[in-house]
Amino acid sequence: MSATTDPQPEVLGAEDRYAGVRRRYLGGLFISSVGSGMVGLTSSYLIYQQTGRVSYVALIMVMSNLPQLFLAPVATKLAQRWGGPTM
């Protein structure tokens, strides 16, 4: 007859302490992304329905993404100026 040992319970380390918080954070990000997509789809549909022109929908989509394109280089320069990481 062989002696069986009871499995030892896992000791939670520091990285596992925040597993629930990470799960909720990722769930919130997913819900936020789905909501943003639904807002974009609905606004595109409403703009097309009211104007009847696809070019207006495209113009609004491009203009809504321009700040991200123009502010990223400025933010990088400011971060490097005040001791941020450089490549």
N, C-alpha and C. Protein backbone atom coordinates (compact mmCIF):
# COMPACT_ATOMS: atom_id res chain seq x y z
N MET A 1 0.83 -1.16 0.00
CA MET A 1 0.00 0.00 0.00
C MET A 1 0.89 1.23 0.00
N SER A 2 0.67 2.07 -0.97
CA SER A 2 1.52 3.26 -1.07
C SER A 2 0.90 4.41 -0.30
N ALA A 3 1.74 5.18 0.27
CA ALA A 3 1.27 6.32 1.05
C ALA A 3 1.01 7.48 0.10
N THR A 4 -0.17 8.04 0.19
CA THR A 4 -0.50 9.20 -0.64
C THR A 4 -0.43 10.44 0.22
N THR A 5 0.06 11.45 -0.35
CA THR A 5 0.14 12.71 0.39
C THR A 5 -0.95 13.64 -0.10
N ASP A 6 -1.46 14.40 0.81
CA ASP A 6 -2.48 15.38 0.44
C ASP A 6 -1.83 16.50 -0.37
N PRO A 7 -2.52 16.95 -1.41
CA PRO A 7 -1.93 18.05 -2.19
C PRO A 7 -1.83 19.31 -1.32
N GLN A 8 -0.72 19.97 -1.46
CA GLN A 8 -0.50 21.19 -0.69
C GLN A 8 -1.26 22.34 -1.34
N PRO A 9 -1.91 23.17 -0.54
CA PRO A 9 -2.59 24.34 -1.13
C PRO A 9 -1.57 25.31 -1.69
N GLU A 10 -1.94 25.93 -2.78
CA GLU A 10 -1.03 26.89 -3.40
C GLU A 10 -0.97 28.15 -2.56
N VAL A 11 0.21 28.65 -2.43
CA VAL A 11 0.40 29.90 -1.71
C VAL A 11 0.27 31.03 -2.73
N LEU A 12 -0.62 31.96 -2.44
CA LEU A 12 -0.82 33.07 -3.36
C LEU A 12 0.34 34.04 -3.23
N GLY A 13 0.95 34.32 -4.36
CA GLY A 13 2.04 35.27 -4.37
C GLY A 13 1.51 36.67 -4.62
N ALA A 14 2.40 37.60 -4.68
CA ALA A 14 2.01 38.99 -4.90
C ALA A 14 1.37 39.18 -6.27
N GLU A 15 1.80 38.38 -7.26
CA GLU A 15 1.23 38.57 -8.60
C GLU A 15 -0.20 38.04 -8.70
N ASP A 16 -0.59 37.11 -7.82
CA ASP A 16 -1.94 36.56 -7.87
C ASP A 16 -2.93 37.36 -7.01
N ARG A 17 -2.43 38.24 -6.19
CA ARG A 17 -3.30 38.99 -5.31
C ARG A 17 -4.26 39.89 -6.09
N TYR A 18 -3.82 40.38 -7.24
CA TYR A 18 -4.62 41.32 -8.02
C TYR A 18 -5.30 40.66 -9.22
N ALA A 19 -5.45 39.36 -9.18
CA ALA A 19 -6.07 38.66 -10.31
C ALA A 19 -7.51 39.10 -10.51
N GLY A 20 -8.26 39.27 -9.43
CA GLY A 20 -9.65 39.72 -9.56
C GLY A 20 -9.75 41.14 -10.09
N VAL A 21 -8.83 41.98 -9.65
CA VAL A 21 -8.83 43.37 -10.12
C VAL A 21 -8.51 43.42 -11.61
N ARG A 22 -7.51 42.61 -12.03
CA ARG A 22 -7.17 42.56 -13.45
C ARG A 22 -8.33 42.05 -14.28
N ARG A 23 -9.03 41.05 -13.77
CA ARG A 23 -10.17 40.48 -14.50
C ARG A 23 -11.25 41.54 -14.70
N ARG A 24 -11.56 42.28 -13.64
CA ARG A 24 -12.57 43.33 -13.75
C ARG A 24 -12.12 44.46 -14.67
N TYR A 25 -10.83 44.80 -14.60
CA TYR A 25 -10.28 45.85 -15.46
C TYR A 25 -10.38 45.45 -16.93
N LEU A 26 -9.97 44.23 -17.25
CA LEU A 26 -10.05 43.77 -18.64
C LEU A 26 -11.49 43.65 -19.10
N GLY A 27 -12.37 43.22 -18.21
CA GLY A 27 -13.79 43.18 -18.56
C GLY A 27 -14.34 44.57 -18.85
N GLY A 28 -13.93 45.54 -18.04
CA GLY A 28 -14.36 46.92 -18.27
C GLY A 28 -13.82 47.47 -19.58
N LEU A 29 -12.57 47.14 -19.90
CA LEU A 29 -12.01 47.58 -21.18
C LEU A 29 -12.77 46.98 -22.36
N PHE A 30 -13.13 45.71 -22.22
CA PHE A 30 -13.88 45.05 -23.30
C PHE A 30 -15.24 45.71 -23.48
N ILE A 31 -15.95 45.95 -22.38
CA ILE A 31 -17.27 46.58 -22.47
C ILE A 31 -17.15 47.99 -23.04
N SER A 32 -16.12 48.72 -22.64
CA SER A 32 -15.90 50.06 -23.16
C SER A 32 -15.63 50.03 -24.67
N SER A 33 -14.85 49.07 -25.12
CA SER A 33 -14.55 48.96 -26.55
C SER A 33 -15.80 48.62 -27.35
N VAL A 34 -16.59 47.71 -26.82
CA VAL A 34 -17.84 47.36 -27.52
C VAL A 34 -18.76 48.57 -27.57
N GLY A 35 -18.86 49.30 -26.47
CA GLY A 35 -19.70 50.50 -26.44
C GLY A 35 -19.22 51.56 -27.41
N SER A 36 -17.91 51.76 -27.48
CA SER A 36 -17.37 52.75 -28.42
C SER A 36 -17.66 52.35 -29.87
N GLY A 37 -17.53 51.07 -30.16
CA GLY A 37 -17.85 50.59 -31.50
C GLY A 37 -19.32 50.79 -31.84
N MET A 38 -20.19 50.55 -30.87
CA MET A 38 -21.62 50.74 -31.12
C MET A 38 -21.95 52.22 -31.34
N VAL A 39 -21.29 53.10 -30.58
CA VAL A 39 -21.51 54.53 -30.77
C VAL A 39 -21.04 54.96 -32.15
N GLY A 40 -19.86 54.48 -32.57
CA GLY A 40 -19.36 54.81 -33.90
C GLY A 40 -20.26 54.31 -35.01
N LEU A 41 -20.75 53.09 -34.87
CA LEU A 41 -21.63 52.52 -35.88
C LEU A 41 -22.96 53.27 -35.94
N THR A 42 -23.52 53.59 -34.79
CA THR A 42 -24.79 54.29 -34.74
C THR A 42 -24.67 55.70 -35.28
N SER A 43 -23.61 56.40 -34.89
CA SER A 43 -23.45 57.77 -35.38
C SER A 43 -23.20 57.78 -36.89
N SER A 44 -22.45 56.81 -37.39
CA SER A 44 -22.25 56.72 -38.84
C SER A 44 -23.57 56.48 -39.57
N TYR A 45 -24.38 55.61 -39.03
CA TYR A 45 -25.66 55.33 -39.64
C TYR A 45 -26.55 56.57 -39.63
N LEU A 46 -26.60 57.26 -38.50
CA LEU A 46 -27.45 58.45 -38.40
C LEU A 46 -26.96 59.57 -39.33
N ILE A 47 -25.66 59.75 -39.43
CA ILE A 47 -25.14 60.78 -40.33
C ILE A 47 -25.47 60.44 -41.77
N TYR A 48 -25.29 59.17 -42.13
CA TYR A 48 -25.62 58.77 -43.50
C TYR A 48 -27.11 58.90 -43.77
N GLN A 49 -27.92 58.56 -42.79
CA GLN A 49 -29.38 58.64 -42.97
C GLN A 49 -29.82 60.09 -43.16
N GLN A 50 -29.21 61.01 -42.44
CA GLN A 50 -29.63 62.41 -42.53
C GLN A 50 -29.05 63.12 -43.75
N THR A 51 -27.83 62.77 -44.15
CA THR A 51 -27.21 63.48 -45.27
C THR A 51 -27.29 62.72 -46.58
N GLY A 52 -27.25 61.40 -46.52
CA GLY A 52 -27.27 60.60 -47.73
C GLY A 52 -25.93 60.56 -48.44
N ARG A 53 -24.86 61.02 -47.79
CA ARG A 53 -23.54 61.05 -48.42
C ARG A 53 -22.53 60.30 -47.56
N VAL A 54 -21.83 59.38 -48.19
CA VAL A 54 -20.82 58.60 -47.50
C VAL A 54 -19.60 59.47 -47.19
N SER A 55 -19.35 60.47 -48.02
CA SER A 55 -18.18 61.32 -47.82
C SER A 55 -18.28 62.09 -46.50
N TYR A 56 -19.47 62.45 -46.06
CA TYR A 56 -19.62 63.13 -44.77
C TYR A 56 -19.29 62.19 -43.62
N VAL A 57 -19.69 60.96 -43.74
CA VAL A 57 -19.36 59.97 -42.71
C VAL A 57 -17.85 59.78 -42.64
N ALA A 58 -17.21 59.65 -43.80
CA ALA A 58 -15.76 59.48 -43.83
C ALA A 58 -15.04 60.70 -43.28
N LEU A 59 -15.52 61.88 -43.60
CA LEU A 59 -14.91 63.11 -43.10
C LEU A 59 -14.98 63.18 -41.58
N ILE A 60 -16.10 62.83 -41.02
CA ILE A 60 -16.25 62.87 -39.56
C ILE A 60 -15.36 61.82 -38.92
N MET A 61 -15.25 60.64 -39.49
CA MET A 61 -14.38 59.60 -38.93
C MET A 61 -12.91 60.04 -38.98
N VAL A 62 -12.49 60.66 -40.07
CA VAL A 62 -11.11 61.12 -40.18
C VAL A 62 -10.85 62.24 -39.19
N MET A 63 -11.77 63.18 -39.09
CA MET A 63 -11.58 64.32 -38.18
C MET A 63 -11.60 63.88 -36.72
N SER A 64 -12.32 62.84 -36.40
CA SER A 64 -12.34 62.37 -35.02
C SER A 64 -11.04 61.66 -34.63
N ASN A 65 -10.27 61.18 -35.61
CA ASN A 65 -9.01 60.50 -35.33
C ASN A 65 -7.79 61.40 -35.50
N LEU A 66 -7.96 62.60 -35.99
CA LEU A 66 -6.82 63.49 -36.19
C LEU A 66 -6.12 63.89 -34.89
N PRO A 67 -6.82 64.18 -33.81
CA PRO A 67 -6.09 64.55 -32.59
C PRO A 67 -5.12 63.47 -32.12
N GLN A 68 -5.47 62.22 -32.28
CA GLN A 68 -4.56 61.14 -31.89
C GLN A 68 -3.29 61.17 -32.73
N LEU A 69 -3.43 61.50 -34.01
CA LEU A 69 -2.26 61.52 -34.89
C LEU A 69 -1.36 62.71 -34.60
N PHE A 70 -1.95 63.86 -34.29
CA PHE A 70 -1.15 65.06 -34.09
C PHE A 70 -0.61 65.21 -32.68
N LEU A 71 -1.31 64.68 -31.70
CA LEU A 71 -0.87 64.86 -30.32
C LEU A 71 0.17 63.83 -29.89
N ALA A 72 0.25 62.69 -30.55
CA ALA A 72 1.23 61.67 -30.16
C ALA A 72 2.67 62.16 -30.30
N PRO A 73 3.07 62.80 -31.42
CA PRO A 73 4.45 63.30 -31.50
C PRO A 73 4.73 64.40 -30.49
N VAL A 74 3.75 65.26 -30.22
CA VAL A 74 3.93 66.32 -29.24
C VAL A 74 4.13 65.72 -27.85
N ALA A 75 3.32 64.74 -27.51
CA ALA A 75 3.45 64.10 -26.20
C ALA A 75 4.79 63.38 -26.07
N THR A 76 5.27 62.78 -27.15
CA THR A 76 6.57 62.10 -27.11
C THR A 76 7.69 63.11 -26.89
N LYS A 77 7.64 64.23 -27.58
CA LYS A 77 8.68 65.26 -27.41
C LYS A 77 8.66 65.80 -25.97
N LEU A 78 7.47 66.04 -25.42
CA LEU A 78 7.38 66.54 -24.05
C LEU A 78 7.89 65.52 -23.04
N ALA A 79 7.58 64.25 -23.27
CA ALA A 79 8.05 63.20 -22.36
C ALA A 79 9.57 63.08 -22.40
N GLN A 80 10.16 63.18 -23.59
CA GLN A 80 11.61 63.11 -23.71
C GLN A 80 12.27 64.34 -23.11
N ARG A 81 11.61 65.46 -23.20
CA ARG A 81 12.17 66.70 -22.65
C ARG A 81 12.28 66.62 -21.13
N TRP A 82 11.30 65.98 -20.49
CA TRP A 82 11.29 65.91 -19.05
C TRP A 82 11.76 64.56 -18.52
N GLY A 83 12.70 63.94 -19.22
CA GLY A 83 13.35 62.74 -18.72
C GLY A 83 12.65 61.45 -19.02
N GLY A 84 11.79 61.42 -20.02
CA GLY A 84 11.12 60.18 -20.39
C GLY A 84 12.06 59.25 -21.13
N PRO A 85 11.61 58.04 -21.43
CA PRO A 85 12.46 57.08 -22.13
C PRO A 85 12.72 57.52 -23.58
N THR A 86 13.90 57.25 -24.04
CA THR A 86 14.25 57.54 -25.43
C THR A 86 14.61 56.24 -26.13
N MET A 87 14.48 56.23 -27.42
CA MET A 87 14.80 55.02 -28.18
C MET A 87 16.20 55.11 -28.71
